[in-house]
Amino acid sequence: MGNTERLRRITDAVRRAGNLGIAELAALTGASEMTVRRDLEVLAEQGVLERYRGGARSLLLRGDEPPFALRAQEGLEAKRRIAAEVAGLIADGESVVVDSGTTCLEVARALQGRRVTVMPLSLQAVNALAEPSAHAASGRATTLLVPGGRPRPGEGALTGPLTRASLAALRFDTAVIGCCGLNAAQGLTAYDLDDADVKRTAIASARRVVAAAEGAKLHRTALAFVAPATALHAVVTDASAPAAEREALSAAGVTVRTVEP
């Protein structure tokens, strides 16, 4: 079992049980107790759980979003395939707003060096797009617009009135939106209320809205409603998304593009 998978399994187990001992986690993962102790220290630093002598207890409520550092390594190959598909939908010369989140970060990376204007809504994506590109010498450098706002601790997502004002002042060809949950019945949802406000403003400022969502998101509904599914022009997901949800989104008039492994 790889390090990322082991951390995910420990997080899920402690979250479900509330608290678990080191011996129980070692049996669950097949790792040594020393390895589990190191893993618990990593997860405690990320704010996922609280260590106590002999075990750990969860700090995540069922409606909470796992930390960015943990999500960033989950399903990375699928996220990169989704990002490449989304980038392929964007033509040179377009203006694009790219939402926060781990999948949208991969979209920002896929757009680096393209002849497009991009406003990213997270510090991680700003940093990715600010890096020098191999295409810069040929005049194909990406135009970067940086919004104002307050970064969410641990997430880097930009929120608040300055972010919303930056979005409202512009009109984009395409908004690439991430989500915590998406389905035809409940629409697009987010865990954080401020993040939901920013997503709504980004959607209102764009001519076309593309949701980038790995398949697991189509199983979920989060706390804060963002927009109905009909506000989306397209959804790019992977083959793990439930077929029934993909069909329901298509029936609602949303173009669903599925990337294969």
C-alpha atoms as a PDB file:
ATOM      1  CA  MET A   1       0.000   0.000   0.000  1.00  0.00           C
ATOM      2  CA  GLY A   2       1.409   3.378  -0.994  1.00  0.00           C
ATOM      3  CA  ASN A   3       1.891   6.270   1.396  1.00  0.00           C
ATOM      4  CA  THR A   4      -1.008   8.344  -0.025  1.00  0.00           C
ATOM      5  CA  GLU A   5      -3.427   5.411   0.038  1.00  0.00           C
ATOM      6  CA  ARG A   6      -2.398   4.565   3.618  1.00  0.00           C
ATOM      7  CA  LEU A   7      -3.010   8.147   4.790  1.00  0.00           C
ATOM      8  CA  ARG A   8      -6.403   8.155   3.075  1.00  0.00           C
ATOM      9  CA  ARG A   9      -7.384   4.847   4.663  1.00  0.00           C
ATOM     10  CA  ILE A  10      -6.312   6.005   8.124  1.00  0.00           C
ATOM     11  CA  THR A  11      -8.227   9.266   7.695  1.00  0.00           C
ATOM     12  CA  ASP A  12     -11.393   7.469   6.568  1.00  0.00           C
ATOM     13  CA  ALA A  13     -11.192   4.890   9.359  1.00  0.00           C
ATOM     14  CA  VAL A  14     -10.639   7.423  12.150  1.00  0.00           C
ATOM     15  CA  ARG A  15     -13.358   9.670  10.738  1.00  0.00           C
ATOM     16  CA  ARG A  16     -15.897   6.824  10.679  1.00  0.00           C
ATOM     17  CA  ALA A  17     -15.001   5.477  14.125  1.00  0.00           C
ATOM     18  CA  GLY A  18     -14.359   8.801  15.863  1.00  0.00           C
ATOM     19  CA  ASN A  19     -11.139   7.443  17.376  1.00  0.00           C
ATOM     20  CA  LEU A  20      -8.901   4.417  16.844  1.00  0.00           C
ATOM     21  CA  GLY A  21      -5.804   2.958  18.464  1.00  0.00           C
ATOM     22  CA  ILE A  22      -2.424   2.573  16.771  1.00  0.00           C
ATOM     23  CA  ALA A  23      -2.618  -1.234  16.895  1.00  0.00           C
ATOM     24  CA  GLU A  24      -6.026  -1.162  15.151  1.00  0.00           C
ATOM     25  CA  LEU A  25      -4.704   1.159  12.432  1.00  0.00           C
ATOM     26  CA  ALA A  26      -1.608  -1.009  11.929  1.00  0.00           C
ATOM     27  CA  ALA A  27      -3.830  -4.068  11.423  1.00  0.00           C
ATOM     28  CA  LEU A  28      -6.048  -2.114   9.018  1.00  0.00           C
ATOM     29  CA  THR A  29      -3.206  -0.877   6.830  1.00  0.00           C
ATOM     30  CA  GLY A  30      -0.717  -3.730   7.189  1.00  0.00           C
ATOM     31  CA  ALA A  31       1.934  -1.193   8.219  1.00  0.00           C
ATOM     32  CA  SER A  32       4.128  -1.271  11.316  1.00  0.00           C
ATOM     33  CA  GLU A  33       3.035   0.642  14.404  1.00  0.00           C
ATOM     34  CA  MET A  34       6.065   2.909  13.956  1.00  0.00           C
ATOM     35  CA  THR A  35       4.899   3.780  10.418  1.00  0.00           C
ATOM     36  CA  VAL A  36       1.370   4.438  11.675  1.00  0.00           C
ATOM     37  CA  ARG A  37       2.713   6.771  14.369  1.00  0.00           C
ATOM     38  CA  ARG A  38       4.564   8.770  11.695  1.00  0.00           C
ATOM     39  CA  ASP A  39       1.409   8.872   9.563  1.00  0.00           C
ATOM     40  CA  LEU A  40      -0.621  10.170  12.498  1.00  0.00           C
ATOM     41  CA  GLU A  41       1.881  12.953  13.047  1.00  0.00           C
ATOM     42  CA  VAL A  42       1.547  13.976   9.374  1.00  0.00           C
ATOM     43  CA  LEU A  43      -2.255  13.951   9.570  1.00  0.00           C
ATOM     44  CA  ALA A  44      -2.221  15.859  12.863  1.00  0.00           C
ATOM     45  CA  GLU A  45      -0.099  18.589  11.231  1.00  0.00           C
ATOM     46  CA  GLN A  46      -2.673  18.789   8.415  1.00  0.00           C
ATOM     47  CA  GLY A  47      -5.492  19.263  10.931  1.00  0.00           C
ATOM     48  CA  VAL A  48      -7.230  15.999  10.027  1.00  0.00           C
ATOM     49  CA  LEU A  49      -7.026  14.413  13.476  1.00  0.00           C
ATOM     50  CA  GLU A  50      -5.795  14.860  17.019  1.00  0.00           C
ATOM     51  CA  ARG A  51      -3.110  12.559  18.396  1.00  0.00           C
ATOM     52  CA  TYR A  52      -3.373  11.079  21.871  1.00  0.00           C
ATOM     53  CA  ARG A  53      -1.234   8.474  23.570  1.00  0.00           C
ATOM     54  CA  GLY A  54      -1.897   5.193  21.806  1.00  0.00           C
ATOM     55  CA  GLY A  55      -4.175   6.481  19.044  1.00  0.00           C
ATOM     56  CA  ALA A  56      -5.963   9.372  17.364  1.00  0.00           C
ATOM     57  CA  ARG A  57      -9.387  11.000  17.208  1.00  0.00           C
ATOM     58  CA  SER A  58     -10.961  12.712  14.207  1.00  0.00           C
ATOM     59  CA  LEU A  59     -11.282  16.492  13.965  1.00  0.00           C
ATOM     60  CA  LEU A  60     -13.422  16.278  10.817  1.00  0.00           C
ATOM     61  CA  LEU A  61     -17.188  16.420  11.039  1.00  0.00           C
ATOM     62  CA  ARG A  62     -19.107  14.473   8.399  1.00  0.00           C
ATOM     63  CA  GLY A  63     -19.907  17.689   6.535  1.00  0.00           C
ATOM     64  CA  ASP A  64     -16.339  18.981   6.581  1.00  0.00           C
ATOM     65  CA  GLU A  65     -13.977  19.048   3.642  1.00  0.00           C
ATOM     66  CA  PRO A  66     -10.732  17.061   3.979  1.00  0.00           C
ATOM     67  CA  PRO A  67      -7.592  19.264   3.995  1.00  0.00           C
ATOM     68  CA  PHE A  68      -6.168  20.472   0.674  1.00  0.00           C
ATOM     69  CA  ALA A  69      -2.808  18.762   1.268  1.00  0.00           C
ATOM     70  CA  LEU A  70      -4.547  15.407   1.570  1.00  0.00           C
ATOM     71  CA  ARG A  71      -6.954  15.916  -1.359  1.00  0.00           C
ATOM     72  CA  ALA A  72      -4.160  17.111  -3.660  1.00  0.00           C
ATOM     73  CA  GLN A  73      -2.656  13.611  -3.835  1.00  0.00           C
ATOM     74  CA  GLU A  74      -5.920  11.678  -4.185  1.00  0.00           C
ATOM     75  CA  GLY A  75      -6.796  10.506  -7.690  1.00  0.00           C
ATOM     76  CA  LEU A  76      -4.088  12.702  -9.178  1.00  0.00           C
ATOM     77  CA  GLU A  77      -3.921  10.918 -12.537  1.00  0.00           C
ATOM     78  CA  ALA A  78      -7.701  11.187 -13.021  1.00  0.00           C
ATOM     79  CA  LYS A  79      -7.566  14.890 -12.129  1.00  0.00           C
ATOM     80  CA  ARG A  80      -4.826  15.456 -14.697  1.00  0.00           C
ATOM     81  CA  ARG A  81      -6.834  13.674 -17.407  1.00  0.00           C
ATOM     82  CA  ILE A  82      -9.886  15.789 -16.528  1.00  0.00           C
ATOM     83  CA  ALA A  83      -7.737  18.929 -16.611  1.00  0.00           C
ATOM     84  CA  ALA A  84      -6.332  18.065 -20.040  1.00  0.00           C
ATOM     85  CA  GLU A  85      -9.866  17.552 -21.375  1.00  0.00           C
ATOM     86  CA  VAL A  86     -11.031  20.881 -19.906  1.00  0.00           C
ATOM     87  CA  ALA A  87      -7.999  22.681 -21.349  1.00  0.00           C
ATOM     88  CA  GLY A  88      -8.862  21.174 -24.731  1.00  0.00           C
ATOM     89  CA  LEU A  89     -12.268  22.877 -24.596  1.00  0.00           C
ATOM     90  CA  ILE A  90     -10.623  26.302 -24.247  1.00  0.00           C
ATOM     91  CA  ALA A  91      -9.499  28.052 -27.409  1.00  0.00           C
ATOM     92  CA  ASP A  92      -6.497  30.341 -27.740  1.00  0.00           C
ATOM     93  CA  GLY A  93      -7.458  33.941 -27.070  1.00  0.00           C
ATOM     94  CA  GLU A  94     -10.138  33.107 -24.489  1.00  0.00           C
ATOM     95  CA  SER A  95     -10.450  34.743 -21.089  1.00  0.00           C
ATOM     96  CA  VAL A  96     -10.927  32.136 -18.362  1.00  0.00           C
ATOM     97  CA  VAL A  97     -11.636  32.165 -14.635  1.00  0.00           C
ATOM     98  CA  VAL A  98     -10.348  29.031 -12.912  1.00  0.00           C
ATOM     99  CA  ASP A  99     -11.924  28.091  -9.591  1.00  0.00           C
ATOM    100  CA  SER A 100     -10.072  26.895  -6.486  1.00  0.00           C
ATOM    101  CA  GLY A 101      -9.631  23.223  -5.583  1.00  0.00           C
ATOM    102  CA  THR A 102      -7.283  20.417  -6.491  1.00  0.00           C
ATOM    103  CA  THR A 103      -8.785  19.510  -9.880  1.00  0.00           C
ATOM    104  CA  CYS A 104      -8.943  23.163 -10.935  1.00  0.00           C
ATOM    105  CA  LEU A 105      -5.302  23.546  -9.894  1.00  0.00           C
ATOM    106  CA  GLU A 106      -4.472  20.886 -12.495  1.00  0.00           C
ATOM    107  CA  VAL A 107      -6.529  22.846 -15.046  1.00  0.00           C
ATOM    108  CA  ALA A 108      -4.447  25.952 -14.292  1.00  0.00           C
ATOM    109  CA  ARG A 109      -1.272  23.923 -14.826  1.00  0.00           C
ATOM    110  CA  ALA A 110      -2.646  22.580 -18.119  1.00  0.00           C
ATOM    111  CA  LEU A 111      -3.263  26.149 -19.301  1.00  0.00           C
ATOM    112  CA  GLN A 112       0.203  27.433 -18.449  1.00  0.00           C
ATOM    113  CA  GLY A 113       1.919  28.743 -21.554  1.00  0.00           C
ATOM    114  CA  ARG A 114      -1.309  28.833 -23.577  1.00  0.00           C
ATOM    115  CA  ARG A 115      -2.286  32.092 -25.311  1.00  0.00           C
ATOM    116  CA  VAL A 116      -5.161  32.752 -22.930  1.00  0.00           C
ATOM    117  CA  THR A 117      -5.995  35.220 -20.168  1.00  0.00           C
ATOM    118  CA  VAL A 118      -6.558  33.469 -16.835  1.00  0.00           C
ATOM    119  CA  MET A 119      -7.811  34.641 -13.455  1.00  0.00           C
ATOM    120  CA  PRO A 120      -7.144  31.855 -10.927  1.00  0.00           C
ATOM    121  CA  LEU A 121      -9.075  31.801  -7.643  1.00  0.00           C
ATOM    122  CA  SER A 122      -6.473  30.143  -5.434  1.00  0.00           C
ATOM    123  CA  LEU A 123      -2.946  30.987  -4.344  1.00  0.00           C
ATOM    124  CA  GLN A 124      -1.712  27.601  -5.560  1.00  0.00           C
ATOM    125  CA  ALA A 125      -3.024  28.262  -9.074  1.00  0.00           C
ATOM    126  CA  VAL A 126      -1.639  31.831  -9.068  1.00  0.00           C
ATOM    127  CA  ASN A 127       1.787  30.405  -8.237  1.00  0.00           C
ATOM    128  CA  ALA A 128       1.479  27.709 -10.923  1.00  0.00           C
ATOM    129  CA  LEU A 129       0.582  30.232 -13.622  1.00  0.00           C
ATOM    130  CA  ALA A 130       3.224  32.726 -12.473  1.00  0.00           C
ATOM    131  CA  GLU A 131       6.039  30.231 -13.117  1.00  0.00           C
ATOM    132  CA  PRO A 132       8.074  30.954 -16.256  1.00  0.00           C
ATOM    133  CA  SER A 133       6.822  28.933 -19.219  1.00  0.00           C
ATOM    134  CA  ALA A 134       8.860  27.281 -21.959  1.00  0.00           C
ATOM    135  CA  HIS A 135       6.562  29.077 -24.419  1.00  0.00           C
ATOM    136  CA  ALA A 136       7.283  32.559 -23.053  1.00  0.00           C
ATOM    137  CA  ALA A 137      10.237  33.161 -25.425  1.00  0.00           C
ATOM    138  CA  SER A 138       8.002  32.501 -28.437  1.00  0.00           C
ATOM    139  CA  GLY A 139       5.490  35.109 -27.316  1.00  0.00           C
ATOM    140  CA  ARG A 140       2.900  32.548 -26.183  1.00  0.00           C
ATOM    141  CA  ALA A 141       2.970  33.542 -22.542  1.00  0.00           C
ATOM    142  CA  THR A 142      -0.275  33.291 -20.609  1.00  0.00           C
ATOM    143  CA  THR A 143      -1.759  36.573 -19.380  1.00  0.00           C
ATOM    144  CA  LEU A 144      -2.308  36.263 -15.634  1.00  0.00           C
ATOM    145  CA  LEU A 145      -4.917  38.314 -13.761  1.00  0.00           C
ATOM    146  CA  VAL A 146      -4.707  38.129  -9.961  1.00  0.00           C
ATOM    147  CA  PRO A 147      -7.891  38.864  -7.988  1.00  0.00           C
ATOM    148  CA  GLY A 148      -8.066  40.436  -4.575  1.00  0.00           C
ATOM    149  CA  GLY A 149      -9.429  38.533  -1.620  1.00  0.00           C
ATOM    150  CA  ARG A 150      -8.715  36.653   1.579  1.00  0.00           C
ATOM    151  CA  PRO A 151      -7.150  33.172   1.328  1.00  0.00           C
ATOM    152  CA  ARG A 152      -8.960  30.449   3.244  1.00  0.00           C
ATOM    153  CA  PRO A 153      -6.523  29.027   5.841  1.00  0.00           C
ATOM    154  CA  GLY A 154      -5.057  25.733   4.710  1.00  0.00           C
ATOM    155  CA  GLU A 155      -6.844  25.952   1.351  1.00  0.00           C
ATOM    156  CA  GLY A 156      -5.442  28.991  -0.441  1.00  0.00           C
ATOM    157  CA  ALA A 157      -8.862  29.614  -2.016  1.00  0.00           C
ATOM    158  CA  LEU A 158      -9.561  33.344  -2.404  1.00  0.00           C
ATOM    159  CA  THR A 159     -12.849  34.489  -0.872  1.00  0.00           C
ATOM    160  CA  GLY A 160     -14.636  37.565   0.404  1.00  0.00           C
ATOM    161  CA  PRO A 161     -15.884  40.859  -1.065  1.00  0.00           C
ATOM    162  CA  LEU A 162     -12.603  41.721  -2.811  1.00  0.00           C
ATOM    163  CA  THR A 163     -12.651  38.428  -4.716  1.00  0.00           C
ATOM    164  CA  ARG A 164     -16.299  38.853  -5.669  1.00  0.00           C
ATOM    165  CA  ALA A 165     -15.661  42.463  -6.768  1.00  0.00           C
ATOM    166  CA  SER A 166     -12.729  41.337  -8.953  1.00  0.00           C
ATOM    167  CA  LEU A 167     -14.971  38.782 -10.657  1.00  0.00           C
ATOM    168  CA  ALA A 168     -17.953  41.099 -11.037  1.00  0.00           C
ATOM    169  CA  ALA A 169     -15.776  43.706 -12.787  1.00  0.00           C
ATOM    170  CA  LEU A 170     -14.937  41.314 -15.647  1.00  0.00           C
ATOM    171  CA  ARG A 171     -16.664  39.166 -18.250  1.00  0.00           C
ATOM    172  CA  PHE A 172     -15.065  35.829 -19.064  1.00  0.00           C
ATOM    173  CA  ASP A 173     -15.486  33.509 -22.014  1.00  0.00           C
ATOM    174  CA  THR A 174     -15.322  30.460 -19.758  1.00  0.00           C
ATOM    175  CA  ALA A 175     -15.584  29.732 -16.044  1.00  0.00           C
ATOM    176  CA  VAL A 176     -13.991  26.466 -14.948  1.00  0.00           C
ATOM    177  CA  ILE A 177     -15.723  25.566 -11.689  1.00  0.00           C
ATOM    178  CA  GLY A 178     -14.780  22.943  -9.131  1.00  0.00           C
ATOM    179  CA  CYS A 179     -17.226  21.461  -6.680  1.00  0.00           C
ATOM    180  CA  CYS A 180     -17.612  19.391  -3.537  1.00  0.00           C
ATOM    181  CA  GLY A 181     -20.798  17.768  -4.794  1.00  0.00           C
ATOM    182  CA  LEU A 182     -22.688  17.668  -8.082  1.00  0.00           C
ATOM    183  CA  ASN A 183     -25.815  15.897  -9.263  1.00  0.00           C
ATOM    184  CA  ALA A 184     -28.851  16.646 -11.388  1.00  0.00           C
ATOM    185  CA  ALA A 185     -31.249  16.777  -8.430  1.00  0.00           C
ATOM    186  CA  GLN A 186     -29.263  18.925  -5.985  1.00  0.00           C
ATOM    187  CA  GLY A 187     -27.064  20.846  -8.407  1.00  0.00           C
ATOM    188  CA  LEU A 188     -23.590  22.163  -7.660  1.00  0.00           C
ATOM    189  CA  THR A 189     -22.706  22.335  -3.936  1.00  0.00           C
ATOM    190  CA  ALA A 190     -19.744  23.364  -1.760  1.00  0.00           C
ATOM    191  CA  TYR A 191     -18.688  22.827   1.846  1.00  0.00           C
ATOM    192  CA  ASP A 192     -17.764  26.449   2.569  1.00  0.00           C
ATOM    193  CA  LEU A 193     -20.337  29.265   2.422  1.00  0.00           C
ATOM    194  CA  ASP A 194     -17.835  31.923   1.319  1.00  0.00           C
ATOM    195  CA  ASP A 195     -16.493  29.609  -1.364  1.00  0.00           C
ATOM    196  CA  ALA A 196     -20.050  29.062  -2.617  1.00  0.00           C
ATOM    197  CA  ASP A 197     -20.494  32.851  -2.947  1.00  0.00           C
ATOM    198  CA  VAL A 198     -17.339  33.115  -5.055  1.00  0.00           C
ATOM    199  CA  LYS A 199     -18.419  30.251  -7.304  1.00  0.00           C
ATOM    200  CA  ARG A 200     -21.800  31.905  -7.899  1.00  0.00           C
ATOM    201  CA  THR A 201     -20.114  35.191  -8.836  1.00  0.00           C
ATOM    202  CA  ALA A 202     -17.726  33.428 -11.211  1.00  0.00           C
ATOM    203  CA  ILE A 203     -20.637  31.643 -12.906  1.00  0.00           C
ATOM    204  CA  ALA A 204     -22.519  34.941 -13.307  1.00  0.00           C
ATOM    205  CA  SER A 205     -19.449  36.562 -14.908  1.00  0.00           C
ATOM    206  CA  ALA A 206     -18.921  33.950 -17.634  1.00  0.00           C
ATOM    207  CA  ARG A 207     -20.513  33.190 -20.977  1.00  0.00           C
ATOM    208  CA  ARG A 208     -19.837  29.440 -20.615  1.00  0.00           C
ATOM    209  CA  VAL A 209     -19.534  27.317 -17.449  1.00  0.00           C
ATOM    210  CA  VAL A 210     -17.563  24.067 -17.349  1.00  0.00           C
ATOM    211  CA  ALA A 211     -17.503  21.978 -14.177  1.00  0.00           C
ATOM    212  CA  ALA A 212     -14.378  19.888 -13.552  1.00  0.00           C
ATOM    213  CA  ALA A 213     -15.315  17.078 -11.154  1.00  0.00           C
ATOM    214  CA  GLU A 214     -13.773  13.686 -10.483  1.00  0.00           C
ATOM    215  CA  GLY A 215     -16.316  10.879 -10.392  1.00  0.00           C
ATOM    216  CA  ALA A 216     -16.619  10.691  -6.604  1.00  0.00           C
ATOM    217  CA  LYS A 217     -18.095  14.215  -6.532  1.00  0.00           C
ATOM    218  CA  LEU A 218     -21.166  12.964  -8.397  1.00  0.00           C
ATOM    219  CA  HIS A 219     -21.997  10.797  -5.370  1.00  0.00           C
ATOM    220  CA  ARG A 220     -22.089  13.772  -2.980  1.00  0.00           C
ATOM    221  CA  THR A 221     -24.141  16.747  -1.876  1.00  0.00           C
ATOM    222  CA  ALA A 222     -22.365  19.317   0.316  1.00  0.00           C
ATOM    223  CA  LEU A 223     -23.793  21.974   2.654  1.00  0.00           C
ATOM    224  CA  ALA A 224     -23.894  25.121   0.520  1.00  0.00           C
ATOM    225  CA  PHE A 225     -25.961  25.330  -2.677  1.00  0.00           C
ATOM    226  CA  VAL A 226     -24.124  27.062  -5.524  1.00  0.00           C
ATOM    227  CA  ALA A 227     -26.253  26.654  -8.656  1.00  0.00           C
ATOM    228  CA  PRO A 228     -28.626  24.222 -10.344  1.00  0.00           C
ATOM    229  CA  ALA A 229     -27.131  21.720 -12.757  1.00  0.00           C
ATOM    230  CA  THR A 230     -28.810  23.626 -15.593  1.00  0.00           C
ATOM    231  CA  ALA A 231     -26.412  26.543 -14.969  1.00  0.00           C
ATOM    232  CA  LEU A 232     -23.624  24.340 -16.366  1.00  0.00           C
ATOM    233  CA  HIS A 233     -22.899  24.016 -20.047  1.00  0.00           C
ATOM    234  CA  ALA A 234     -20.553  21.065 -19.632  1.00  0.00           C
ATOM    235  CA  VAL A 235     -19.233  18.675 -16.998  1.00  0.00           C
ATOM    236  CA  VAL A 236     -15.901  16.902 -17.404  1.00  0.00           C
ATOM    237  CA  THR A 237     -15.547  13.863 -15.158  1.00  0.00           C
ATOM    238  CA  ASP A 238     -13.977  10.392 -15.161  1.00  0.00           C
ATOM    239  CA  ALA A 239     -15.329   6.900 -15.685  1.00  0.00           C
ATOM    240  CA  SER A 240     -15.856   6.321 -11.928  1.00  0.00           C
ATOM    241  CA  ALA A 241     -18.822   8.745 -11.983  1.00  0.00           C
ATOM    242  CA  PRO A 242     -22.141   6.874 -11.623  1.00  0.00           C
ATOM    243  CA  ALA A 243     -23.690   6.205 -15.028  1.00  0.00           C
ATOM    244  CA  ALA A 244     -27.132   7.162 -13.699  1.00  0.00           C
ATOM    245  CA  GLU A 245     -25.866  10.601 -12.619  1.00  0.00           C
ATOM    246  CA  ARG A 246     -24.159  11.190 -15.942  1.00  0.00           C
ATOM    247  CA  GLU A 247     -27.363  10.285 -17.742  1.00  0.00           C
ATOM    248  CA  ALA A 248     -29.435  12.544 -15.475  1.00  0.00           C
ATOM    249  CA  LEU A 249     -27.112  15.485 -16.144  1.00  0.00           C
ATOM    250  CA  SER A 250     -27.309  14.844 -19.884  1.00  0.00           C
ATOM    251  CA  ALA A 251     -31.110  14.744 -19.645  1.00  0.00           C
ATOM    252  CA  ALA A 252     -30.976  18.164 -17.944  1.00  0.00           C
ATOM    253  CA  GLY A 253     -29.228  19.577 -21.014  1.00  0.00           C
ATOM    254  CA  VAL A 254     -25.639  19.447 -19.693  1.00  0.00           C
ATOM    255  CA  THR A 255     -22.925  18.117 -21.989  1.00  0.00           C
ATOM    256  CA  VAL A 256     -21.086  15.373 -20.063  1.00  0.00           C
ATOM    257  CA  ARG A 257     -17.570  14.450 -21.183  1.00  0.00           C
ATOM    258  CA  THR A 258     -16.036  11.373 -19.539  1.00  0.00           C
ATOM    259  CA  VAL A 259     -12.282  10.767 -19.600  1.00  0.00           C
ATOM    260  CA  GLU A 260     -11.123   7.151 -19.599  1.00  0.00           C
ATOM    261  CA  PRO A 261      -8.220   5.659 -17.595  1.00  0.00           C
END
